[in-house]
Amino acid sequence: MRECSYRRELDLETLVCTRGRDFPLTSLETRLRCPRCGSRRVAVMFSVPSEPNRAVGDRRGTSVP
């Protein structure tokens, strides 16, 4: 069986709304499924924006000082 190479950026705000703010991120992989192949063998990687406050403010259409 060939490995699926599908990648997608997850929206943090959506994750908080659907899983709750107390959901442990270490459990996230167990709750996901690949939309392309249906596999539950997914890997989650976290990356922090170089300017975290600005990135959040820009997404919501407001500027954060």
Protein backbone atom coordinates (compact mmCIF):
# COMPACT_ATOMS: atom_id res chain seq x y z
CA MET A 1 0.00 0.00 0.00
CA ARG A 2 1.34 3.41 -0.97
CA GLU A 3 1.61 6.14 1.68
CA CYS A 4 -0.77 9.09 1.27
CA SER A 5 1.00 12.45 1.04
CA TYR A 6 -2.00 14.70 1.69
CA ARG A 7 -1.20 17.78 3.80
CA ARG A 8 -3.50 20.39 5.26
CA GLU A 9 -3.11 23.29 7.66
CA LEU A 10 -5.51 22.99 10.58
CA ASP A 11 -7.27 26.11 11.82
CA LEU A 12 -6.63 26.59 15.55
CA GLU A 13 -9.86 28.53 16.11
CA THR A 14 -11.91 25.72 14.54
CA LEU A 15 -10.11 23.11 16.64
CA VAL A 16 -10.89 25.05 19.83
CA CYS A 17 -14.55 25.43 18.83
CA THR A 18 -15.00 21.76 17.93
CA ARG A 19 -12.77 20.07 20.53
CA GLY A 20 -12.92 22.56 23.38
CA ARG A 21 -10.15 24.68 24.80
CA ASP A 22 -9.13 21.99 27.30
CA PHE A 23 -8.65 19.28 24.64
CA PRO A 24 -5.07 17.96 24.89
CA LEU A 25 -3.16 18.58 21.66
CA THR A 26 -1.24 15.36 22.27
CA SER A 27 -4.52 13.50 21.58
CA LEU A 28 -5.26 15.31 18.32
CA GLU A 29 -3.80 12.61 16.06
CA THR A 30 -6.22 10.03 17.49
CA ARG A 31 -9.21 12.18 16.49
CA LEU A 32 -8.27 12.89 12.87
CA ARG A 33 -8.80 11.03 9.59
CA CYS A 34 -7.30 11.78 6.19
CA PRO A 35 -10.04 13.23 3.94
CA ARG A 36 -8.31 11.86 0.83
CA CYS A 37 -7.64 8.20 1.70
CA GLY A 38 -9.66 7.75 4.92
CA SER A 39 -6.68 6.53 6.94
CA ARG A 40 -6.44 7.26 10.64
CA ARG A 41 -2.63 7.03 10.42
CA VAL A 42 -2.01 10.77 10.43
CA ALA A 43 0.86 12.87 11.72
CA VAL A 44 0.41 16.31 13.26
CA MET A 45 3.20 18.88 13.19
CA PHE A 46 3.03 22.18 15.04
CA SER A 47 4.61 25.40 13.85
CA VAL A 48 4.58 28.77 15.53
CA PRO A 49 4.26 31.90 13.38
CA SER A 50 7.27 34.20 13.51
CA GLU A 51 4.94 36.96 14.75
CA PRO A 52 2.19 35.10 16.68
CA ASN A 53 0.10 38.11 17.76
CA ARG A 54 0.15 39.67 14.33
CA ALA A 55 -0.82 36.39 12.64
CA VAL A 56 -3.92 36.01 14.84
CA GLY A 57 -4.90 39.66 14.46
CA ASP A 58 -4.51 39.60 10.69
CA ARG A 59 -6.71 36.52 10.32
CA ARG A 60 -9.57 38.16 12.17
CA GLY A 61 -9.29 41.38 10.25
CA THR A 62 -7.99 43.41 13.19
CA SER A 63 -4.56 44.58 14.06
CA VAL A 64 -2.99 43.67 17.36
CA PRO A 65 -0.41 46.11 18.74
